[in-house]
Amino acid sequence: MIVINVTIKHNDIIAAVEALTEAKFTFVKKDKMKLYFECDNNDLEAMAKVVKNRLKTDPIFGILYFQVTTA
């Protein structure tokens, strides 16, 4: 499972992650500031890096402080 810890723009981040084509990401739940996603790729560390890089290069999300980890 991939976890994104961010304070704002939850709906926009969910849509952006689910739209990624490197793997199928499915939003599972929101727990306070954490967004949980399942991924069909078994290499979760690599997929977490993909998600973080994509969000960092986006002009909207690049200015936000967020963390992407695996659980």
PDB file of N, CA and C in Angstrom:
ATOM      1  N   MET A   1       0.846  -1.168   0.000  1.00  0.00           N
ATOM      2  CA  MET A   1       0.000   0.000   0.000  1.00  0.00           C
ATOM      3  C   MET A   1       0.899   1.241   0.000  1.00  0.00           C
ATOM      4  N   ILE A   2       0.485   2.235  -0.727  1.00  0.00           N
ATOM      5  CA  ILE A   2       1.208   3.502  -0.807  1.00  0.00           C
ATOM      6  C   ILE A   2       0.422   4.548  -0.023  1.00  0.00           C
ATOM      7  N   VAL A   3       1.128   5.318   0.795  1.00  0.00           N
ATOM      8  CA  VAL A   3       0.497   6.312   1.660  1.00  0.00           C
ATOM      9  C   VAL A   3       1.056   7.681   1.316  1.00  0.00           C
ATOM     10  N   ILE A   4       0.146   8.632   1.096  1.00  0.00           N
ATOM     11  CA  ILE A   4       0.544  10.019   0.855  1.00  0.00           C
ATOM     12  C   ILE A   4       0.036  10.838   2.028  1.00  0.00           C
ATOM     13  N   ASN A   5       0.949  11.506   2.694  1.00  0.00           N
ATOM     14  CA  ASN A   5       0.618  12.343   3.837  1.00  0.00           C
ATOM     15  C   ASN A   5       0.652  13.793   3.370  1.00  0.00           C
ATOM     16  N   VAL A   6      -0.526  14.420   3.298  1.00  0.00           N
ATOM     17  CA  VAL A   6      -0.627  15.785   2.796  1.00  0.00           C
ATOM     18  C   VAL A   6      -1.828  16.464   3.459  1.00  0.00           C
ATOM     19  N   THR A   7      -1.736  17.776   3.654  1.00  0.00           N
ATOM     20  CA  THR A   7      -2.795  18.469   4.391  1.00  0.00           C
ATOM     21  C   THR A   7      -3.935  18.985   3.522  1.00  0.00           C
ATOM     22  N   ILE A   8      -3.667  19.316   2.264  1.00  0.00           N
ATOM     23  CA  ILE A   8      -4.706  19.898   1.413  1.00  0.00           C
ATOM     24  C   ILE A   8      -4.714  19.231   0.042  1.00  0.00           C
ATOM     25  N   LYS A   9      -5.697  19.584  -0.768  1.00  0.00           N
ATOM     26  CA  LYS A   9      -5.829  19.115  -2.152  1.00  0.00           C
ATOM     27  C   LYS A   9      -6.036  17.598  -2.238  1.00  0.00           C
ATOM     28  N   HIS A  10      -6.697  17.012  -1.253  1.00  0.00           N
ATOM     29  CA  HIS A  10      -6.876  15.562  -1.232  1.00  0.00           C
ATOM     30  C   HIS A  10      -7.562  15.037  -2.483  1.00  0.00           C
ATOM     31  N   ASN A  11      -8.678  15.622  -2.864  1.00  0.00           N
ATOM     32  CA  ASN A  11      -9.420  15.125  -4.029  1.00  0.00           C
ATOM     33  C   ASN A  11      -8.609  15.250  -5.310  1.00  0.00           C
ATOM     34  N   ASP A  12      -7.864  16.330  -5.444  1.00  0.00           N
ATOM     35  CA  ASP A  12      -7.039  16.519  -6.633  1.00  0.00           C
ATOM     36  C   ASP A  12      -5.893  15.504  -6.681  1.00  0.00           C
ATOM     37  N   ILE A  13      -5.302  15.219  -5.544  1.00  0.00           N
ATOM     38  CA  ILE A  13      -4.207  14.246  -5.496  1.00  0.00           C
ATOM     39  C   ILE A  13      -4.730  12.843  -5.772  1.00  0.00           C
ATOM     40  N   ILE A  14      -5.888  12.509  -5.229  1.00  0.00           N
ATOM     41  CA  ILE A  14      -6.481  11.200  -5.504  1.00  0.00           C
ATOM     42  C   ILE A  14      -6.685  11.028  -7.003  1.00  0.00           C
ATOM     43  N   ALA A  15      -7.255  12.026  -7.652  1.00  0.00           N
ATOM     44  CA  ALA A  15      -7.499  11.953  -9.095  1.00  0.00           C
ATOM     45  C   ALA A  15      -6.194  11.843  -9.874  1.00  0.00           C
ATOM     46  N   ALA A  16      -5.176  12.594  -9.465  1.00  0.00           N
ATOM     47  CA  ALA A  16      -3.897  12.567 -10.171  1.00  0.00           C
ATOM     48  C   ALA A  16      -3.206  11.219 -10.034  1.00  0.00           C
ATOM     49  N   VAL A  17      -3.228  10.646  -8.847  1.00  0.00           N
ATOM     50  CA  VAL A  17      -2.571   9.346  -8.641  1.00  0.00           C
ATOM     51  C   VAL A  17      -3.322   8.244  -9.385  1.00  0.00           C
ATOM     52  N   GLU A  18      -4.632   8.259  -9.326  1.00  0.00           N
ATOM     53  CA  GLU A  18      -5.405   7.230 -10.032  1.00  0.00           C
ATOM     54  C   GLU A  18      -5.262   7.339 -11.545  1.00  0.00           C
ATOM     55  N   ALA A  19      -4.862   8.500 -12.046  1.00  0.00           N
ATOM     56  CA  ALA A  19      -4.685   8.687 -13.487  1.00  0.00           C
ATOM     57  C   ALA A  19      -3.305   8.255 -13.979  1.00  0.00           C
ATOM     58  N   LEU A  20      -2.387   7.935 -13.082  1.00  0.00           N
ATOM     59  CA  LEU A  20      -1.051   7.503 -13.504  1.00  0.00           C
ATOM     60  C   LEU A  20      -1.134   6.207 -14.297  1.00  0.00           C
ATOM     61  N   THR A  21      -0.255   6.077 -15.288  1.00  0.00           N
ATOM     62  CA  THR A  21      -0.313   4.909 -16.179  1.00  0.00           C
ATOM     63  C   THR A  21       0.780   3.883 -15.902  1.00  0.00           C
ATOM     64  N   GLU A  22       1.712   4.174 -15.018  1.00  0.00           N
ATOM     65  CA  GLU A  22       2.796   3.229 -14.723  1.00  0.00           C
ATOM     66  C   GLU A  22       2.286   1.964 -14.035  1.00  0.00           C
ATOM     67  N   ALA A  23       1.201   2.089 -13.314  1.00  0.00           N
ATOM     68  CA  ALA A  23       0.552   0.969 -12.643  1.00  0.00           C
ATOM     69  C   ALA A  23      -0.883   1.392 -12.345  1.00  0.00           C
ATOM     70  N   LYS A  24      -1.689   0.445 -11.910  1.00  0.00           N
ATOM     71  CA  LYS A  24      -3.066   0.781 -11.537  1.00  0.00           C
ATOM     72  C   LYS A  24      -3.088   1.119 -10.054  1.00  0.00           C
ATOM     73  N   PHE A  25      -3.401   2.366  -9.747  1.00  0.00           N
ATOM     74  CA  PHE A  25      -3.500   2.834  -8.378  1.00  0.00           C
ATOM     75  C   PHE A  25      -4.975   3.000  -8.032  1.00  0.00           C
ATOM     76  N   THR A  26      -5.369   2.456  -6.892  1.00  0.00           N
ATOM     77  CA  THR A  26      -6.760   2.529  -6.454  1.00  0.00           C
ATOM     78  C   THR A  26      -6.810   3.154  -5.073  1.00  0.00           C
ATOM     79  N   PHE A  27      -7.586   4.228  -4.946  1.00  0.00           N
ATOM     80  CA  PHE A  27      -7.744   4.883  -3.650  1.00  0.00           C
ATOM     81  C   PHE A  27      -8.505   3.949  -2.721  1.00  0.00           C
ATOM     82  N   VAL A  28      -7.983   3.783  -1.494  1.00  0.00           N
ATOM     83  CA  VAL A  28      -8.593   2.873  -0.527  1.00  0.00           C
ATOM     84  C   VAL A  28      -9.319   3.635   0.576  1.00  0.00           C
ATOM     85  N   LYS A  29      -8.598   4.557   1.228  1.00  0.00           N
ATOM     86  CA  LYS A  29      -9.222   5.297   2.327  1.00  0.00           C
ATOM     87  C   LYS A  29      -8.436   6.559   2.642  1.00  0.00           C
ATOM     88  N   LYS A  30      -9.100   7.412   3.399  1.00  0.00           N
ATOM     89  CA  LYS A  30      -8.480   8.637   3.905  1.00  0.00           C
ATOM     90  C   LYS A  30      -8.549   8.566   5.418  1.00  0.00           C
ATOM     91  N   ASP A  31      -7.418   8.793   6.076  1.00  0.00           N
ATOM     92  CA  ASP A  31      -7.362   8.797   7.530  1.00  0.00           C
ATOM     93  C   ASP A  31      -6.676  10.087   7.960  1.00  0.00           C
ATOM     94  N   LYS A  32      -7.457  11.063   8.329  1.00  0.00           N
ATOM     95  CA  LYS A  32      -6.979  12.405   8.675  1.00  0.00           C
ATOM     96  C   LYS A  32      -6.204  13.000   7.503  1.00  0.00           C
ATOM     97  N   MET A  33      -4.886  13.095   7.591  1.00  0.00           N
ATOM     98  CA  MET A  33      -4.098  13.695   6.511  1.00  0.00           C
ATOM     99  C   MET A  33      -3.501  12.652   5.568  1.00  0.00           C
ATOM    100  N   LYS A  34      -3.770  11.389   5.795  1.00  0.00           N
ATOM    101  CA  LYS A  34      -3.148  10.330   4.998  1.00  0.00           C
ATOM    102  C   LYS A  34      -4.126   9.763   3.973  1.00  0.00           C
ATOM    103  N   LEU A  35      -3.619   9.601   2.769  1.00  0.00           N
ATOM    104  CA  LEU A  35      -4.381   8.986   1.676  1.00  0.00           C
ATOM    105  C   LEU A  35      -3.738   7.636   1.369  1.00  0.00           C
ATOM    106  N   TYR A  36      -4.542   6.589   1.345  1.00  0.00           N
ATOM    107  CA  TYR A  36      -4.034   5.233   1.136  1.00  0.00           C
ATOM    108  C   TYR A  36      -4.442   4.735  -0.246  1.00  0.00           C
ATOM    109  N   PHE A  37      -3.468   4.177  -0.956  1.00  0.00           N
ATOM    110  CA  PHE A  37      -3.698   3.644  -2.296  1.00  0.00           C
ATOM    111  C   PHE A  37      -3.170   2.217  -2.391  1.00  0.00           C
ATOM    112  N   GLU A  38      -3.904   1.368  -3.093  1.00  0.00           N
ATOM    113  CA  GLU A  38      -3.392   0.052  -3.450  1.00  0.00           C
ATOM    114  C   GLU A  38      -2.809   0.163  -4.848  1.00  0.00           C
ATOM    115  N   CYS A  39      -1.835  -0.689  -5.126  1.00  0.00           N
ATOM    116  CA  CYS A  39      -1.147  -0.672  -6.410  1.00  0.00           C
ATOM    117  C   CYS A  39      -1.029  -2.104  -6.915  1.00  0.00           C
ATOM    118  N   ASP A  40      -1.206  -2.304  -8.231  1.00  0.00           N
ATOM    119  CA  ASP A  40      -1.117  -3.658  -8.780  1.00  0.00           C
ATOM    120  C   ASP A  40       0.316  -4.094  -9.058  1.00  0.00           C
ATOM    121  N   ASN A  41       1.279  -3.209  -8.836  1.00  0.00           N
ATOM    122  CA  ASN A  41       2.692  -3.547  -9.003  1.00  0.00           C
ATOM    123  C   ASN A  41       3.254  -3.952  -7.639  1.00  0.00           C
ATOM    124  N   ASN A  42       3.983  -5.046  -7.582  1.00  0.00           N
ATOM    125  CA  ASN A  42       4.513  -5.540  -6.308  1.00  0.00           C
ATOM    126  C   ASN A  42       5.693  -4.738  -5.779  1.00  0.00           C
ATOM    127  N   ASP A  43       6.358  -3.972  -6.622  1.00  0.00           N
ATOM    128  CA  ASP A  43       7.504  -3.163  -6.192  1.00  0.00           C
ATOM    129  C   ASP A  43       6.990  -1.816  -5.668  1.00  0.00           C
ATOM    130  N   LEU A  44       6.522  -1.826  -4.434  1.00  0.00           N
ATOM    131  CA  LEU A  44       5.889  -0.630  -3.872  1.00  0.00           C
ATOM    132  C   LEU A  44       6.864   0.519  -3.683  1.00  0.00           C
ATOM    133  N   GLU A  45       8.118   0.216  -3.360  1.00  0.00           N
ATOM    134  CA  GLU A  45       9.103   1.283  -3.193  1.00  0.00           C
ATOM    135  C   GLU A  45       9.296   2.050  -4.503  1.00  0.00           C
ATOM    136  N   ALA A  46       9.394   1.324  -5.601  1.00  0.00           N
ATOM    137  CA  ALA A  46       9.559   1.970  -6.907  1.00  0.00           C
ATOM    138  C   ALA A  46       8.313   2.763  -7.278  1.00  0.00           C
ATOM    139  N   MET A  47       7.152   2.216  -6.988  1.00  0.00           N
ATOM    140  CA  MET A  47       5.907   2.917  -7.317  1.00  0.00           C
ATOM    141  C   MET A  47       5.730   4.155  -6.446  1.00  0.00           C
ATOM    142  N   ALA A  48       6.184   4.109  -5.199  1.00  0.00           N
ATOM    143  CA  ALA A  48       6.124   5.292  -4.340  1.00  0.00           C
ATOM    144  C   ALA A  48       7.000   6.397  -4.912  1.00  0.00           C
ATOM    145  N   LYS A  49       8.158   6.028  -5.456  1.00  0.00           N
ATOM    146  CA  LYS A  49       9.040   7.010  -6.085  1.00  0.00           C
ATOM    147  C   LYS A  49       8.388   7.606  -7.328  1.00  0.00           C
ATOM    148  N   VAL A  50       7.701   6.777  -8.106  1.00  0.00           N
ATOM    149  CA  VAL A  50       6.992   7.262  -9.297  1.00  0.00           C
ATOM    150  C   VAL A  50       5.938   8.286  -8.900  1.00  0.00           C
ATOM    151  N   VAL A  51       5.140   7.945  -7.885  1.00  0.00           N
ATOM    152  CA  VAL A  51       4.081   8.853  -7.426  1.00  0.00           C
ATOM    153  C   VAL A  51       4.691  10.172  -6.945  1.00  0.00           C
ATOM    154  N   LYS A  52       5.728  10.081  -6.123  1.00  0.00           N
ATOM    155  CA  LYS A  52       6.350  11.300  -5.587  1.00  0.00           C
ATOM    156  C   LYS A  52       6.922  12.165  -6.699  1.00  0.00           C
ATOM    157  N   ASN A  53       7.625  11.544  -7.647  1.00  0.00           N
ATOM    158  CA  ASN A  53       8.208  12.314  -8.752  1.00  0.00           C
ATOM    159  C   ASN A  53       7.139  12.976  -9.602  1.00  0.00           C
ATOM    160  N   ARG A  54       6.064  12.253  -9.880  1.00  0.00           N
ATOM    161  CA  ARG A  54       4.989  12.840 -10.686  1.00  0.00           C
ATOM    162  C   ARG A  54       4.340  14.008  -9.978  1.00  0.00           C
ATOM    163  N   LEU A  55       4.093  13.869  -8.679  1.00  0.00           N
ATOM    164  CA  LEU A  55       3.473  14.969  -7.936  1.00  0.00           C
ATOM    165  C   LEU A  55       4.425  16.156  -7.809  1.00  0.00           C
ATOM    166  N   LYS A  56       5.714  15.896  -7.598  1.00  0.00           N
ATOM    167  CA  LYS A  56       6.685  16.982  -7.464  1.00  0.00           C
ATOM    168  C   LYS A  56       6.845  17.781  -8.761  1.00  0.00           C
ATOM    169  N   THR A  57       6.698  17.131  -9.908  1.00  0.00           N
ATOM    170  CA  THR A  57       6.870  17.838 -11.175  1.00  0.00           C
ATOM    171  C   THR A  57       5.599  18.536 -11.642  1.00  0.00           C
ATOM    172  N   ASP A  58       4.490  18.290 -10.982  1.00  0.00           N
ATOM    173  CA  ASP A  58       3.231  18.954 -11.336  1.00  0.00           C
ATOM    174  C   ASP A  58       3.248  20.374 -10.774  1.00  0.00           C
ATOM    175  N   PRO A  59       2.854  21.376 -11.567  1.00  0.00           N
ATOM    176  CA  PRO A  59       2.903  22.761 -11.075  1.00  0.00           C
ATOM    177  C   PRO A  59       1.967  23.032  -9.897  1.00  0.00           C
ATOM    178  N   ILE A  60       0.896  22.275  -9.765  1.00  0.00           N
ATOM    179  CA  ILE A  60      -0.036  22.485  -8.650  1.00  0.00           C
ATOM    180  C   ILE A  60       0.482  21.805  -7.386  1.00  0.00           C
ATOM    181  N   PHE A  61       0.922  20.568  -7.507  1.00  0.00           N
ATOM    182  CA  PHE A  61       1.326  19.800  -6.329  1.00  0.00           C
ATOM    183  C   PHE A  61       2.786  20.014  -5.946  1.00  0.00           C
ATOM    184  N   GLY A  62       3.591  20.509  -6.853  1.00  0.00           N
ATOM    185  CA  GLY A  62       5.014  20.692  -6.587  1.00  0.00           C
ATOM    186  C   GLY A  62       5.319  21.662  -5.469  1.00  0.00           C
ATOM    187  N   ILE A  63       4.387  22.568  -5.183  1.00  0.00           N
ATOM    188  CA  ILE A  63       4.623  23.546  -4.119  1.00  0.00           C
ATOM    189  C   ILE A  63       4.130  23.057  -2.758  1.00  0.00           C
ATOM    190  N   LEU A  64       3.443  21.929  -2.731  1.00  0.00           N
ATOM    191  CA  LEU A  64       2.916  21.393  -1.478  1.00  0.00           C
ATOM    192  C   LEU A  64       3.978  20.592  -0.740  1.00  0.00           C
ATOM    193  N   TYR A  65       3.854  20.561   0.579  1.00  0.00           N
ATOM    194  CA  TYR A  65       4.697  19.669   1.373  1.00  0.00           C
ATOM    195  C   TYR A  65       3.931  18.373   1.554  1.00  0.00           C
ATOM    196  N   PHE A  66       4.503  17.273   1.106  1.00  0.00           N
ATOM    197  CA  PHE A  66       3.862  15.966   1.273  1.00  0.00           C
ATOM    198  C   PHE A  66       4.926  14.898   1.377  1.00  0.00           C
ATOM    199  N   GLN A  67       4.516  13.754   1.904  1.00  0.00           N
ATOM    200  CA  GLN A  67       5.386  12.595   2.028  1.00  0.00           C
ATOM    201  C   GLN A  67       4.709  11.410   1.350  1.00  0.00           C
ATOM    202  N   VAL A  68       5.484  10.603   0.653  1.00  0.00           N
ATOM    203  CA  VAL A  68       4.981   9.389   0.035  1.00  0.00           C
ATOM    204  C   VAL A  68       5.772   8.220   0.614  1.00  0.00           C
ATOM    205  N   THR A  69       5.048   7.298   1.259  1.00  0.00           N
ATOM    206  CA  THR A  69       5.696   6.145   1.878  1.00  0.00           C
ATOM    207  C   THR A  69       4.931   4.877   1.509  1.00  0.00           C
ATOM    208  N   THR A  70       5.438   3.755   1.967  1.00  0.00           N
ATOM    209  CA  THR A  70       4.744   2.484   1.773  1.00  0.00           C
ATOM    210  C   THR A  70       4.326   1.948   3.136  1.00  0.00           C
ATOM    211  N   ALA A  71       3.297   1.137   3.114  1.00  0.00           N
ATOM    212  CA  ALA A  71       2.813   0.543   4.379  1.00  0.00           C
ATOM    213  C   ALA A  71       2.587  -0.936   4.181  1.00  0.00           C
TER     214      ALA A  71
END
